[in-house]
């Protein structure tokens, strides 16, 4: 058999092998892509479910924390109510004490002034009854004692008033300091409530944490869609009939041609190798005296 014929036979075998191999390769790729597609769909479902659960749990925890913060703020406000009442009572008591002390001092000073006046009058009466004239040393002594008593009384009054003013200043300073602390604590309580409200709102539609959650879902969905589209293209590239895009037939034709060409080349090379070894000669005579071509021998 001549090399061309052998080449064509082997080419046909190669083409058939290319056909079968192409069909099998496309089927395997299509099934693998479909399996991967099903896996991605289920994996996306599970990841999305986990995102929803994590968000719901985070939102629930945020609401619990907000409730605790609001309760703490309410307790702080109640404590400030008590502090204000206590401060008011303390200030009123301190002012009342200052008033009572001032009233008592006034009464005592009047008593001292009256006693000093009576003492001075008694001293002058005694001097008069004894015949001592005005301007004498005894008279001067009475006047000096009276002046001393008056000066001591005045000093006592001035010192007590200054002491009362200092005490009143301390009371007012204490009032201002405590009022500042109460105001600061109330502002802190209000800020705690605002922080709690911001935390709750961040998980509502349009809030920061809600937007982060939606972005994560969108990113997951986009990745899923991209991968599924890639796999769907892979399936279409390896589908011969409905749902295919023609690439499967193109690859199959390429495989047939490649297999046929490779088979022809292999068969032709094998035939030439056999001929070179003397296995086939179209001019060689047979035993009947005829050549293999059917012409008469010379």
Protein backbone atom coordinates (compact mmCIF):
# COMPACT_ATOMS: atom_id res chain seq x y z
CA UNK A 1 0.00 0.00 0.00
CA UNK A 2 1.40 3.37 -0.98
CA UNK A 3 2.24 6.04 1.65
CA UNK A 4 -0.59 8.33 0.53
CA UNK A 5 -3.20 5.67 1.15
CA UNK A 6 -1.73 4.75 4.53
CA UNK A 7 -1.53 8.45 5.42
CA UNK A 8 -5.20 8.95 4.55
CA UNK A 9 -6.25 5.91 6.58
CA UNK A 10 -4.26 7.04 9.62
CA UNK A 11 -5.55 10.58 9.05
CA UNK A 12 -9.09 9.25 9.27
CA UNK A 13 -8.24 7.45 12.48
CA UNK A 14 -6.63 10.62 13.85
CA UNK A 15 -9.62 12.70 12.83
CA UNK A 16 -11.95 10.26 14.59
CA UNK A 17 -9.74 10.39 17.64
CA UNK A 18 -9.80 14.18 17.52
CA UNK A 19 -13.58 14.07 17.24
CA UNK A 20 -14.02 11.75 20.22
CA UNK A 21 -11.38 13.56 22.25
CA UNK A 22 -12.97 16.93 21.48
CA UNK A 23 -16.43 15.74 22.47
CA UNK A 24 -15.10 14.22 25.70
CA UNK A 25 -13.03 17.31 26.53
CA UNK A 26 -16.00 19.64 25.98
CA UNK A 27 -18.27 17.44 28.08
CA UNK A 28 -15.76 17.34 30.92
CA UNK A 29 -15.22 21.13 30.85
CA UNK A 30 -18.95 21.81 30.67
CA UNK A 31 -19.71 19.52 33.61
CA UNK A 32 -16.81 20.95 35.64
CA UNK A 33 -17.98 24.52 34.96
CA UNK A 34 -21.56 23.62 35.88
CA UNK A 35 -20.38 21.99 39.12
CA UNK A 36 -18.31 25.08 39.93
CA UNK A 37 -21.29 27.27 39.10
CA UNK A 38 -23.52 25.32 41.48
CA UNK A 39 -20.84 25.52 44.18
CA UNK A 40 -20.47 29.28 43.78
CA UNK A 41 -24.23 29.77 43.96
CA UNK A 42 -24.44 27.81 47.22
CA UNK A 43 -21.29 29.47 48.61
CA UNK A 44 -22.76 32.90 47.83
CA UNK A 45 -25.99 31.94 49.58
CA UNK A 46 -24.10 30.88 52.69
CA UNK A 47 -21.87 33.97 52.73
CA UNK A 48 -24.84 36.28 52.28
CA UNK A 49 -26.67 34.43 55.05
CA UNK A 50 -23.64 34.88 57.33
CA UNK A 51 -23.50 38.60 56.51
CA UNK A 52 -27.19 38.97 57.37
CA UNK A 53 -26.75 37.05 60.64
CA UNK A 54 -23.63 39.02 61.62
CA UNK A 55 -25.36 42.31 60.89
CA UNK A 56 -28.49 41.31 62.80
CA UNK A 57 -26.40 40.23 65.80
CA UNK A 58 -24.31 43.41 65.69
CA UNK A 59 -27.47 45.50 65.51
CA UNK A 60 -28.98 43.61 68.42
CA UNK A 61 -25.82 44.11 70.49
CA UNK A 62 -25.77 47.81 69.56
CA UNK A 63 -29.36 48.19 70.75
CA UNK A 64 -28.49 46.44 74.02
CA UNK A 65 -25.49 48.71 74.53
CA UNK A 66 -27.63 51.76 73.74
CA UNK A 67 -30.22 50.67 76.30
CA UNK A 68 -27.49 50.26 78.92
CA UNK A 69 -26.06 53.69 78.06
CA UNK A 70 -29.49 55.33 78.31
CA UNK A 71 -30.08 53.65 81.66
CA UNK A 72 -26.69 54.86 82.90
CA UNK A 73 -27.53 58.39 81.70
CA UNK A 74 -30.85 58.25 83.55
CA UNK A 75 -29.06 57.18 86.74
CA UNK A 76 -26.61 60.07 86.33
CA UNK A 77 -29.52 62.50 85.96
CA UNK A 78 -31.21 61.09 89.04
CA UNK A 79 -27.95 61.46 90.96
CA UNK A 80 -27.75 65.08 89.81
CA UNK A 81 -31.33 65.68 90.99
CA UNK A 82 -30.32 64.42 94.42
CA UNK A 83 -27.12 66.48 94.32
CA UNK A 84 -29.09 69.61 93.42
CA UNK A 85 -31.55 69.05 96.25
CA UNK A 86 -28.72 68.39 98.72
CA UNK A 87 -26.79 71.41 97.50
CA UNK A 88 -29.86 73.63 97.77
CA UNK A 89 -30.51 72.42 101.31
CA UNK A 90 -26.88 72.91 102.30
CA UNK A 91 -26.76 76.41 100.85
CA UNK A 92 -30.04 77.39 102.49
CA UNK A 93 -28.83 75.98 105.80
CA UNK A 94 -25.52 77.83 105.52
CA UNK A 95 -27.27 81.12 104.70
CA UNK A 96 -29.77 80.62 107.52
CA UNK A 97 -26.90 79.97 109.90
CA UNK A 98 -25.19 83.14 108.75
CA UNK A 99 -28.45 85.06 109.22
CA UNK A 100 -29.01 83.61 112.68
CA UNK A 101 -25.40 84.27 113.61
CA UNK A 102 -25.72 87.87 112.41
CA UNK A 103 -28.98 88.39 114.31
CA UNK A 104 -27.42 86.87 117.42
CA UNK A 105 -24.34 89.06 117.04
CA UNK A 106 -26.49 92.17 116.68
CA UNK A 107 -28.39 91.32 119.84
CA UNK A 108 -25.15 90.58 121.71
CA UNK A 109 -23.51 93.78 120.46
CA UNK A 110 -26.49 95.81 121.57
CA UNK A 111 -26.29 94.13 124.94
CA UNK A 112 -22.58 94.91 125.17
CA UNK A 113 -23.17 98.52 124.12
CA UNK A 114 -25.94 98.89 126.68
CA UNK A 115 -23.79 97.31 129.38
CA UNK A 116 -20.88 99.57 128.48
CA UNK A 117 -23.20 102.60 128.61
CA UNK A 118 -24.64 101.56 131.94
CA UNK A 119 -21.17 100.95 133.30
CA UNK A 120 -20.03 104.37 132.10
CA UNK A 121 -23.13 106.05 133.57
CA UNK A 122 -22.68 104.25 136.87
CA UNK A 123 -19.03 105.28 136.99
CA UNK A 124 -19.91 108.94 136.37
CA UNK A 125 -22.70 108.80 138.96
CA UNK A 126 -20.32 107.34 141.48
CA UNK A 127 -17.78 110.05 140.71
CA UNK A 128 -20.43 112.72 141.03
CA UNK A 129 -21.62 111.38 144.36
CA UNK A 130 -18.09 111.36 145.65
CA UNK A 131 -17.55 114.98 144.62
CA UNK A 132 -14.95 114.35 141.93
CA UNK A 133 -14.97 117.10 139.36
CA UNK A 134 -15.01 116.62 135.65
CA UNK A 135 -11.60 116.64 134.08
CA UNK A 136 -9.99 114.89 136.99
CA UNK A 137 -7.84 111.82 136.53
CA UNK A 138 -10.70 109.55 137.65
CA UNK A 139 -13.00 111.16 135.16
CA UNK A 140 -10.40 110.67 132.45
CA UNK A 141 -10.05 107.03 133.44
CA UNK A 142 -13.80 106.50 133.04
CA UNK A 143 -13.71 108.10 129.61
CA UNK A 144 -10.70 106.01 128.61
CA UNK A 145 -12.43 102.82 129.77
CA UNK A 146 -15.55 103.80 127.84
CA UNK A 147 -13.52 104.47 124.68
CA UNK A 148 -11.70 101.17 125.08
CA UNK A 149 -14.97 99.30 125.47
CA UNK A 150 -16.38 101.05 122.42
CA UNK A 151 -13.25 100.26 120.37
CA UNK A 152 -13.32 96.61 121.44
CA UNK A 153 -16.99 96.39 120.52
CA UNK A 154 -16.32 97.96 117.12
CA UNK A 155 -13.39 95.60 116.49
CA UNK A 156 -15.53 92.62 117.46
CA UNK A 157 -18.25 93.78 115.05
CA UNK A 158 -15.80 94.37 112.20
CA UNK A 159 -14.06 91.02 112.74
CA UNK A 160 -17.37 89.16 112.89
CA UNK A 161 -18.71 90.83 109.75
CA UNK A 162 -15.49 90.01 107.90
CA UNK A 163 -15.71 86.42 109.10
CA UNK A 164 -19.34 86.23 107.95
CA UNK A 165 -18.39 87.67 104.55
CA UNK A 166 -15.62 85.09 104.21
CA UNK A 167 -18.02 82.29 105.15
CA UNK A 168 -20.58 83.60 102.68
CA UNK A 169 -17.88 83.69 99.97
CA UNK A 170 -16.99 80.07 100.74
CA UNK A 171 -20.64 79.10 100.53
CA UNK A 172 -21.01 80.84 97.16
CA UNK A 173 -17.79 79.25 95.87
CA UNK A 174 -19.03 75.85 96.96
CA UNK A 175 -22.35 76.57 95.24
CA UNK A 176 -20.63 77.55 91.98
CA UNK A 177 -18.32 74.52 92.05
CA UNK A 178 -21.10 72.06 92.76
CA UNK A 179 -23.36 73.63 90.14
CA UNK A 180 -20.54 73.28 87.59
CA UNK A 181 -20.08 69.61 88.49
CA UNK A 182 -23.81 68.98 88.21
CA UNK A 183 -23.95 70.74 84.84
CA UNK A 184 -20.91 68.80 83.62
CA UNK A 185 -22.48 65.50 84.69
CA UNK A 186 -25.78 66.36 83.00
CA UNK A 187 -23.95 67.27 79.78
CA UNK A 188 -22.11 63.94 80.02
CA UNK A 189 -25.44 62.14 80.45
CA UNK A 190 -26.88 63.92 77.42
CA UNK A 191 -23.78 63.05 75.38
CA UNK A 192 -24.12 59.42 76.44
CA UNK A 193 -27.72 59.43 75.20
CA UNK A 194 -26.66 61.04 71.92
CA UNK A 195 -23.90 58.45 71.43
CA UNK A 196 -26.42 55.68 72.12
CA UNK A 197 -28.83 57.18 69.59
CA UNK A 198 -26.06 57.53 66.99
CA UNK A 199 -25.09 53.90 67.53
CA UNK A 200 -28.66 52.71 67.02
CA UNK A 201 -29.16 54.94 63.96
CA UNK A 202 -25.92 53.68 62.39
CA UNK A 203 -27.61 50.30 61.91
CA UNK A 204 -30.75 51.79 60.35
CA UNK A 205 -31.12 52.39 56.62
CA UNK A 206 -28.69 55.12 55.56
CA UNK A 207 -26.54 54.74 58.70
CA UNK A 208 -22.79 54.12 58.68
CA UNK A 209 -22.84 50.45 59.73
CA UNK A 210 -25.85 49.78 57.51
CA UNK A 211 -24.00 51.20 54.50
CA UNK A 212 -20.91 49.12 55.30
CA UNK A 213 -23.15 46.04 55.48
CA UNK A 214 -24.77 46.88 52.12
CA UNK A 215 -21.36 47.50 50.53
CA UNK A 216 -20.18 44.09 51.70
CA UNK A 217 -23.28 42.47 50.21
CA UNK A 218 -22.86 44.36 46.94
CA UNK A 219 -19.21 43.39 46.72
CA UNK A 220 -20.07 39.77 47.40
CA UNK A 221 -22.83 39.88 44.79
CA UNK A 222 -20.58 41.50 42.17
CA UNK A 223 -17.89 38.87 42.73
CA UNK A 224 -20.51 36.14 42.49
CA UNK A 225 -21.96 37.53 39.27
CA UNK A 226 -18.53 37.94 37.69
CA UNK A 227 -17.52 34.37 38.49
CA UNK A 228 -20.87 32.98 37.39
CA UNK A 229 -20.64 34.85 34.09
CA UNK A 230 -17.17 33.43 33.53
CA UNK A 231 -18.43 29.92 34.21
CA UNK A 232 -21.52 30.43 32.05
CA UNK A 233 -19.23 31.46 29.20
CA UNK A 234 -17.17 28.33 29.82
CA UNK A 235 -20.35 26.22 29.66
CA UNK A 236 -21.49 27.92 26.43
CA UNK A 237 -18.03 27.43 24.92
CA UNK A 238 -18.37 23.69 25.50
CA UNK A 239 -22.05 23.15 24.56
CA UNK A 240 -22.84 21.79 21.08
CA UNK A 241 -26.56 22.30 20.94
CA UNK A 242 -28.99 24.57 22.85
CA UNK A 243 -27.20 27.19 24.92
CA UNK A 244 -23.96 26.94 22.99
CA UNK A 245 -22.23 29.79 21.21
CA UNK A 246 -20.57 27.81 18.39
CA UNK A 247 -17.15 27.68 20.01
CA UNK A 248 -17.64 24.00 20.84
CA UNK A 249 -18.08 23.17 17.14
CA UNK A 250 -15.13 25.34 16.24
CA UNK A 251 -12.91 23.59 18.77
CA UNK A 252 -14.26 20.22 17.62
CA UNK A 253 -13.50 21.03 13.99
CA UNK A 254 -10.05 22.21 14.98
CA UNK A 255 -9.51 18.96 16.88
CA UNK A 256 -10.62 16.87 13.91
CA UNK A 257 -8.35 18.76 11.54
CA UNK A 258 -5.47 18.61 13.97
CA UNK A 259 -5.99 14.89 14.59
CA UNK A 260 -6.36 14.19 10.87
CA UNK A 261 -3.28 16.18 9.95
CA UNK A 262 -1.26 14.53 12.70
CA UNK A 263 -2.55 11.08 11.65
CA UNK A 264 -1.79 11.67 8.00
CA UNK A 265 1.71 12.86 8.82
CA UNK A 266 2.30 9.87 11.07
CA UNK A 267 0.90 7.34 8.54
CA UNK A 268 2.82 8.83 5.68
CA UNK A 269 6.06 8.75 7.68
CA UNK A 270 5.42 5.12 8.68
CA UNK A 271 4.78 4.11 5.04
CA UNK A 272 7.95 5.78 3.86
CA UNK A 273 9.90 4.07 6.62
CA UNK A 274 8.53 0.68 5.50
CA UNK A 275 9.37 1.45 1.86
CA UNK A 276 12.86 2.48 2.76
CA UNK A 277 13.26 -0.89 4.48
CA UNK A 278 12.14 -2.72 1.29
CA UNK A 279 8.70 -3.66 2.43
CA UNK A 280 6.96 -2.06 -0.54
CA UNK A 281 8.16 -1.46 -4.19
CA UNK A 282 5.66 -0.80 -6.96
CA UNK A 283 8.22 -1.85 -9.66
CA UNK A 284 9.10 -5.17 -8.04
CA UNK A 285 8.13 -8.30 -10.18
CA UNK A 286 5.90 -10.98 -8.77
CA UNK A 287 6.38 -14.78 -9.27
CA UNK A 288 4.12 -14.76 -12.32
CA UNK A 289 6.55 -12.50 -14.11
CA UNK A 290 4.30 -9.40 -13.71
CA UNK A 291 4.98 -6.25 -11.92
CA UNK A 292 2.79 -5.26 -8.98
CA UNK A 293 1.31 -2.54 -11.18
CA UNK A 294 -0.14 -5.20 -13.59
CA UNK A 295 2.15 -4.41 -16.60
CA UNK A 296 4.11 -7.23 -18.45
CA UNK A 297 7.71 -7.77 -17.49
CA UNK A 298 10.34 -6.86 -20.08
